[in-house]
Amino acid sequence: MTETHTPARRGLLKAAAVGAVGTTVLMTPSVSRAQTVTWRFQSTWPQRDIFHEFAQDYVSRVNTLSGGRLRLELLAAGAVVGAFQLLDAVSAGTLDGGHGVTAYWWGKNPAFSLFGTSAPWFGDANQFLGWFYHGGGEALYRELMHGIVRANAIGYLTGPMPCQPLGWFRNNIENPEQLRGLRYRTVGLNADVATTLGMAVVSLPGGEIVPALERGVIDGAEFNNPSSDRLLGFPDVAKNYMLQSFGQPVESFEVLFNRQKAEALPQELQQVLKIAAEAASSDMLWKAMDRYPRDLQAMASQQGVQVRSTPRSILDAQLRAWDGVLTRYEADPFFKKVCDSQRDWCRRVGAYFLRATASPAVSYNHFFARG
């Protein structure tokens, strides 16, 4: 049977079609027509450092996940402010956000270092991030940032770092006595650990360390990892590289944003900032697994670097130093509150993984260290 359209029916169909188109337009998400918001996002790292590359990885995830509504423009350290001034610049709105580490704000309150270069009771930095996101650490971080320091910033921790080295020295270090009197670069609570061991601590941002070593302003330094150290030029000014340390055995990055601007974003974009931090966290560690061993091997085979493990006597001395540092700072109630939270987590989580995990050294030696 063929349907016959009368003029009246054709008018109704036309009206329905127009109405449907109108409904489609109204139901189209406004994100497709939203103007892109561009934020200036500065890292605390030199442009050639792998850490700046990690910052770019985070930025790329935000820019992709936001669907074009929010765009972070990455700047290197010093483009607007120095590395140690990032938190102040973000709080003031001079910068919209940034990528760094909480130990850089240690001078504002020593507890900031507990959210980065914490005491060596965590088994690794993944356990530290577990405490932050599932053990109460994030609420304590907000209390410090907003209730105590009153910074106009919000942040997320991301990127678990492997154990950092004792560092670079002109001469091989074989015992704690050789550390006394050395002018040494480090940051955070490790500055107090190093001072307890008799070193004269100089805190410098990453881009200033190698020039200071070259000019003899400092005698030794740690930064973070073989890739950063090689790119920044450490092998050109020192040849003794001491791996392993209890000074900074765990750490993670921090992404910061101006609080007013971040909280004014739609909820889905606020979630993008956090979800991108989680995604970049895993990818950063996987990339580090590939890059750090390659650069360590290249420094040893091509640049004459002597790679050694820090002697047990120095490691034990660092642990004793930590005892004194923690006792002194735990006179502050908030500092102790954070330490108590971390200790509770580490007793439970650390005990489980120590009992559940067979020694990787045993299996590694079985397969790769045969004569």
Foldseek 3Di string as FASTA:
>chain_A
DDDDQDPVNVVVVVVVVVVVVVVVVVPDDCLVVAAADEFEEEEQAAPLFVQLVLVVLLQVLLCVLSVRNYHYDYDYAPPQHHSLCQLVCQLVVVGFKYKFFQLSCCVLPLLSCCQFQNFPLAPFQVLSLCCCPPLCVVVLVCCCCCVPSNRQKDKDWFAKAAFWFPWFAQDDDAALVVLADFEEEDTGLLCQLSVVSHYNYDYDRLLCPQVCLQVVVGGTYTDGALRRCVSSPVLVRGAETEGDASSRRIGTMMMMGRNVVLVPDPPVSVVSSHVSRHVSRVVNVVVCVVPRVVSVVCCVPPRVHDYYYHDPNRRVSSNVSVVVSLVVSVVDVSSVVSVVSVVVSSVVVVVVCVVPDDDPVVVCCVPPVDD
